[in-house]
Amino acid sequence: MAGYKQDQGRMARMAAFWSLTVLILYGCTSLHAELAGRFEVLGRPLFEAVPKVPVLGLQLNAALLIVLVLLVAGVWLVRRWIETPKNADLLIDTEAELRKVTWPTPKEVANSSVVVIISVIFLMAFLAGADVVLARIASLFLGG
């Protein structure tokens, strides 16, 4: 492995791992629906005696087995990828930098949000007014 302690950058590495794992899981569920829907052979149950997998409630078929193999392989590859020294160092450095950030208080967030909302409303009104004025000027020149 890399030359770092196991708990170094743990939160950033864990967040990266679970984010990518959730994306892989989403892709696998979409693939399962696609395989079972498009290919009748893959959608048929493998064993008539076991209509559904007890905990998951999914039908045990070839599409499910393909997706489970891809899910396990994907999670394993993500784990290996995150533990490579280059990526682990990046995530460790990212977490170290995030610890240095001064996060705003809830009151500061609320005040900043109000300023942004007022600015957006003002800009929207200005652009709408400019649009109306320019449309009238254009209609005068074009003889409308």
C-alpha atoms as a PDB file:
ATOM      1  CA  MET A   1       0.000   0.000   0.000  1.00  0.00           C
ATOM      2  CA  ALA A   2       0.923   3.642   0.179  1.00  0.00           C
ATOM      3  CA  GLY A   3       3.098   5.346   2.763  1.00  0.00           C
ATOM      4  CA  TYR A   4       0.252   6.797   4.835  1.00  0.00           C
ATOM      5  CA  LYS A   5      -1.587   5.860   7.980  1.00  0.00           C
ATOM      6  CA  GLN A   6      -4.811   3.942   7.521  1.00  0.00           C
ATOM      7  CA  ASP A   7      -6.944   6.671   9.140  1.00  0.00           C
ATOM      8  CA  GLN A   8      -5.363   9.501   7.127  1.00  0.00           C
ATOM      9  CA  GLY A   9      -7.924  11.064   4.800  1.00  0.00           C
ATOM     10  CA  ARG A  10     -10.425   8.470   5.923  1.00  0.00           C
ATOM     11  CA  MET A  11     -13.505  10.662   5.492  1.00  0.00           C
ATOM     12  CA  ALA A  12     -12.577  11.837   1.984  1.00  0.00           C
ATOM     13  CA  ARG A  13     -11.673   8.330   0.862  1.00  0.00           C
ATOM     14  CA  MET A  14     -14.854   6.920   2.375  1.00  0.00           C
ATOM     15  CA  ALA A  15     -16.983   9.626   0.733  1.00  0.00           C
ATOM     16  CA  ALA A  16     -15.342   8.956  -2.642  1.00  0.00           C
ATOM     17  CA  PHE A  17     -15.790   5.202  -2.262  1.00  0.00           C
ATOM     18  CA  TRP A  18     -19.471   5.362  -1.327  1.00  0.00           C
ATOM     19  CA  SER A  19     -20.267   7.994  -3.953  1.00  0.00           C
ATOM     20  CA  LEU A  20     -18.792   5.834  -6.682  1.00  0.00           C
ATOM     21  CA  THR A  21     -20.403   2.704  -5.223  1.00  0.00           C
ATOM     22  CA  VAL A  22     -23.835   4.354  -5.294  1.00  0.00           C
ATOM     23  CA  LEU A  23     -23.261   5.317  -8.941  1.00  0.00           C
ATOM     24  CA  ILE A  24     -22.277   1.739  -9.769  1.00  0.00           C
ATOM     25  CA  LEU A  25     -25.335   0.419  -7.909  1.00  0.00           C
ATOM     26  CA  TYR A  26     -27.582   2.781  -9.859  1.00  0.00           C
ATOM     27  CA  GLY A  27     -26.002   1.648 -13.122  1.00  0.00           C
ATOM     28  CA  CYS A  28     -26.442  -1.994 -12.158  1.00  0.00           C
ATOM     29  CA  THR A  29     -30.127  -1.543 -11.302  1.00  0.00           C
ATOM     30  CA  SER A  30     -30.685   0.176 -14.651  1.00  0.00           C
ATOM     31  CA  LEU A  31     -28.764  -2.579 -16.438  1.00  0.00           C
ATOM     32  CA  HIS A  32     -30.806  -5.262 -14.663  1.00  0.00           C
ATOM     33  CA  ALA A  33     -34.068  -3.698 -15.785  1.00  0.00           C
ATOM     34  CA  GLU A  34     -32.738  -3.342 -19.329  1.00  0.00           C
ATOM     35  CA  LEU A  35     -31.417  -6.906 -19.550  1.00  0.00           C
ATOM     36  CA  ALA A  36     -34.536  -8.474 -18.074  1.00  0.00           C
ATOM     37  CA  GLY A  37     -36.791  -6.353 -20.293  1.00  0.00           C
ATOM     38  CA  ARG A  38     -34.994  -6.714 -23.632  1.00  0.00           C
ATOM     39  CA  PHE A  39     -33.767 -10.285 -23.499  1.00  0.00           C
ATOM     40  CA  GLU A  40     -36.413 -12.834 -22.629  1.00  0.00           C
ATOM     41  CA  VAL A  41     -33.795 -15.538 -22.035  1.00  0.00           C
ATOM     42  CA  LEU A  42     -32.077 -13.462 -19.347  1.00  0.00           C
ATOM     43  CA  GLY A  43     -35.372 -12.578 -17.685  1.00  0.00           C
ATOM     44  CA  ARG A  44     -36.565 -16.160 -17.152  1.00  0.00           C
ATOM     45  CA  PRO A  45     -36.159 -17.608 -13.635  1.00  0.00           C
ATOM     46  CA  LEU A  46     -33.246 -20.018 -13.219  1.00  0.00           C
ATOM     47  CA  PHE A  47     -35.062 -22.175 -10.687  1.00  0.00           C
ATOM     48  CA  GLU A  48     -38.832 -22.482 -10.630  1.00  0.00           C
ATOM     49  CA  ALA A  49     -38.704 -23.574  -6.972  1.00  0.00           C
ATOM     50  CA  VAL A  50     -37.163 -20.228  -5.945  1.00  0.00           C
ATOM     51  CA  PRO A  51     -39.332 -17.539  -7.543  1.00  0.00           C
ATOM     52  CA  LYS A  52     -37.654 -14.612  -5.755  1.00  0.00           C
ATOM     53  CA  VAL A  53     -34.516 -13.966  -3.755  1.00  0.00           C
ATOM     54  CA  PRO A  54     -35.834 -13.788  -0.157  1.00  0.00           C
ATOM     55  CA  VAL A  55     -34.202 -10.575   1.090  1.00  0.00           C
ATOM     56  CA  LEU A  56     -34.027  -8.590  -2.155  1.00  0.00           C
ATOM     57  CA  GLY A  57     -37.390  -9.625  -3.554  1.00  0.00           C
ATOM     58  CA  LEU A  58     -35.830  -9.969  -7.020  1.00  0.00           C
ATOM     59  CA  GLN A  59     -36.358 -12.869  -9.356  1.00  0.00           C
ATOM     60  CA  LEU A  60     -33.304 -15.130  -9.559  1.00  0.00           C
ATOM     61  CA  ASN A  61     -32.425 -15.033 -13.244  1.00  0.00           C
ATOM     62  CA  ALA A  62     -29.404 -14.679 -15.494  1.00  0.00           C
ATOM     63  CA  ALA A  63     -29.801 -10.899 -15.646  1.00  0.00           C
ATOM     64  CA  LEU A  64     -29.517 -10.709 -11.859  1.00  0.00           C
ATOM     65  CA  LEU A  65     -26.407 -12.893 -11.813  1.00  0.00           C
ATOM     66  CA  ILE A  66     -24.731 -10.786 -14.515  1.00  0.00           C
ATOM     67  CA  VAL A  67     -25.529  -7.596 -12.628  1.00  0.00           C
ATOM     68  CA  LEU A  68     -24.291  -9.011  -9.307  1.00  0.00           C
ATOM     69  CA  VAL A  69     -20.975 -10.030 -10.891  1.00  0.00           C
ATOM     70  CA  LEU A  70     -20.613  -6.539 -12.390  1.00  0.00           C
ATOM     71  CA  LEU A  71     -21.532  -4.918  -9.069  1.00  0.00           C
ATOM     72  CA  VAL A  72     -18.964  -6.912  -7.098  1.00  0.00           C
ATOM     73  CA  ALA A  73     -16.290  -6.311  -9.756  1.00  0.00           C
ATOM     74  CA  GLY A  74     -17.110  -2.600  -9.876  1.00  0.00           C
ATOM     75  CA  VAL A  75     -16.938  -2.156  -6.105  1.00  0.00           C
ATOM     76  CA  TRP A  76     -13.662  -4.089  -5.984  1.00  0.00           C
ATOM     77  CA  LEU A  77     -12.186  -1.925  -8.757  1.00  0.00           C
ATOM     78  CA  VAL A  78     -13.316   1.280  -7.029  1.00  0.00           C
ATOM     79  CA  ARG A  79     -11.689   0.136  -3.792  1.00  0.00           C
ATOM     80  CA  ARG A  80      -8.438  -0.654  -5.595  1.00  0.00           C
ATOM     81  CA  TRP A  81      -8.554   2.633  -7.525  1.00  0.00           C
ATOM     82  CA  ILE A  82      -9.088   4.732  -4.391  1.00  0.00           C
ATOM     83  CA  GLU A  83      -6.227   2.956  -2.604  1.00  0.00           C
ATOM     84  CA  THR A  84      -3.680   3.677  -5.347  1.00  0.00           C
ATOM     85  CA  PRO A  85      -1.054   6.049  -3.943  1.00  0.00           C
ATOM     86  CA  LYS A  86      -1.811   8.872  -6.373  1.00  0.00           C
ATOM     87  CA  ASN A  87      -5.553   8.899  -5.658  1.00  0.00           C
ATOM     88  CA  ALA A  88      -5.154   8.258  -1.933  1.00  0.00           C
ATOM     89  CA  ASP A  89      -2.715  11.168  -1.654  1.00  0.00           C
ATOM     90  CA  LEU A  90      -5.134  13.412  -3.545  1.00  0.00           C
ATOM     91  CA  LEU A  91      -7.993  12.505  -1.220  1.00  0.00           C
ATOM     92  CA  ILE A  92      -5.796  12.895   1.874  1.00  0.00           C
ATOM     93  CA  ASP A  93      -4.683  16.340   0.694  1.00  0.00           C
ATOM     94  CA  THR A  94      -8.283  17.277  -0.112  1.00  0.00           C
ATOM     95  CA  GLU A  95      -9.439  16.361   3.370  1.00  0.00           C
ATOM     96  CA  ALA A  96      -6.525  18.260   4.923  1.00  0.00           C
ATOM     97  CA  GLU A  97      -7.433  21.381   2.921  1.00  0.00           C
ATOM     98  CA  LEU A  98     -11.117  21.086   3.841  1.00  0.00           C
ATOM     99  CA  ARG A  99     -10.160  21.042   7.520  1.00  0.00           C
ATOM    100  CA  LYS A 100      -8.526  24.474   7.007  1.00  0.00           C
ATOM    101  CA  VAL A 101     -11.683  26.026   5.522  1.00  0.00           C
ATOM    102  CA  THR A 102     -13.590  28.526   7.636  1.00  0.00           C
ATOM    103  CA  TRP A 103     -17.197  27.468   7.266  1.00  0.00           C
ATOM    104  CA  PRO A 104     -19.913  30.136   7.563  1.00  0.00           C
ATOM    105  CA  THR A 105     -22.364  30.159  10.436  1.00  0.00           C
ATOM    106  CA  PRO A 106     -26.057  29.527   9.711  1.00  0.00           C
ATOM    107  CA  LYS A 107     -26.765  33.242  10.181  1.00  0.00           C
ATOM    108  CA  GLU A 108     -24.075  34.162   7.631  1.00  0.00           C
ATOM    109  CA  VAL A 109     -25.529  31.623   5.190  1.00  0.00           C
ATOM    110  CA  ALA A 110     -29.025  33.068   5.631  1.00  0.00           C
ATOM    111  CA  ASN A 111     -27.791  36.650   5.149  1.00  0.00           C
ATOM    112  CA  SER A 112     -25.783  35.710   2.064  1.00  0.00           C
ATOM    113  CA  SER A 113     -28.760  33.840   0.632  1.00  0.00           C
ATOM    114  CA  VAL A 114     -30.990  36.890   1.071  1.00  0.00           C
ATOM    115  CA  VAL A 115     -28.426  39.072  -0.707  1.00  0.00           C
ATOM    116  CA  VAL A 116     -28.201  36.603  -3.596  1.00  0.00           C
ATOM    117  CA  ILE A 117     -31.988  36.319  -3.922  1.00  0.00           C
ATOM    118  CA  ILE A 118     -32.420  40.111  -3.929  1.00  0.00           C
ATOM    119  CA  SER A 119     -29.624  40.483  -6.505  1.00  0.00           C
ATOM    120  CA  VAL A 120     -31.208  37.866  -8.762  1.00  0.00           C
ATOM    121  CA  ILE A 121     -34.633  39.534  -8.509  1.00  0.00           C
ATOM    122  CA  PHE A 122     -33.104  42.948  -9.308  1.00  0.00           C
ATOM    123  CA  LEU A 123     -31.173  41.544 -12.275  1.00  0.00           C
ATOM    124  CA  MET A 124     -34.268  39.709 -13.524  1.00  0.00           C
ATOM    125  CA  ALA A 125     -36.352  42.896 -13.339  1.00  0.00           C
ATOM    126  CA  PHE A 126     -33.617  44.906 -15.076  1.00  0.00           C
ATOM    127  CA  LEU A 127     -33.303  42.397 -17.920  1.00  0.00           C
ATOM    128  CA  ALA A 128     -37.080  42.148 -18.321  1.00  0.00           C
ATOM    129  CA  GLY A 129     -37.340  45.955 -18.477  1.00  0.00           C
ATOM    130  CA  ALA A 130     -34.467  46.178 -20.952  1.00  0.00           C
ATOM    131  CA  ASP A 131     -36.162  43.512 -23.067  1.00  0.00           C
ATOM    132  CA  VAL A 132     -39.444  45.446 -23.144  1.00  0.00           C
ATOM    133  CA  VAL A 133     -37.707  48.741 -24.009  1.00  0.00           C
ATOM    134  CA  LEU A 134     -35.557  47.176 -26.729  1.00  0.00           C
ATOM    135  CA  ALA A 135     -38.576  45.342 -28.167  1.00  0.00           C
ATOM    136  CA  ARG A 136     -40.483  48.642 -28.443  1.00  0.00           C
ATOM    137  CA  ILE A 137     -37.499  50.386 -30.047  1.00  0.00           C
ATOM    138  CA  ALA A 138     -37.092  47.521 -32.505  1.00  0.00           C
ATOM    139  CA  SER A 139     -40.811  47.596 -33.372  1.00  0.00           C
ATOM    140  CA  LEU A 140     -40.582  51.355 -34.052  1.00  0.00           C
ATOM    141  CA  PHE A 141     -37.659  50.859 -36.451  1.00  0.00           C
ATOM    142  CA  LEU A 142     -39.228  47.856 -38.148  1.00  0.00           C
ATOM    143  CA  GLY A 143     -42.574  49.584 -38.545  1.00  0.00           C
ATOM    144  CA  GLY A 144     -44.549  47.371 -36.189  1.00  0.00           C
END
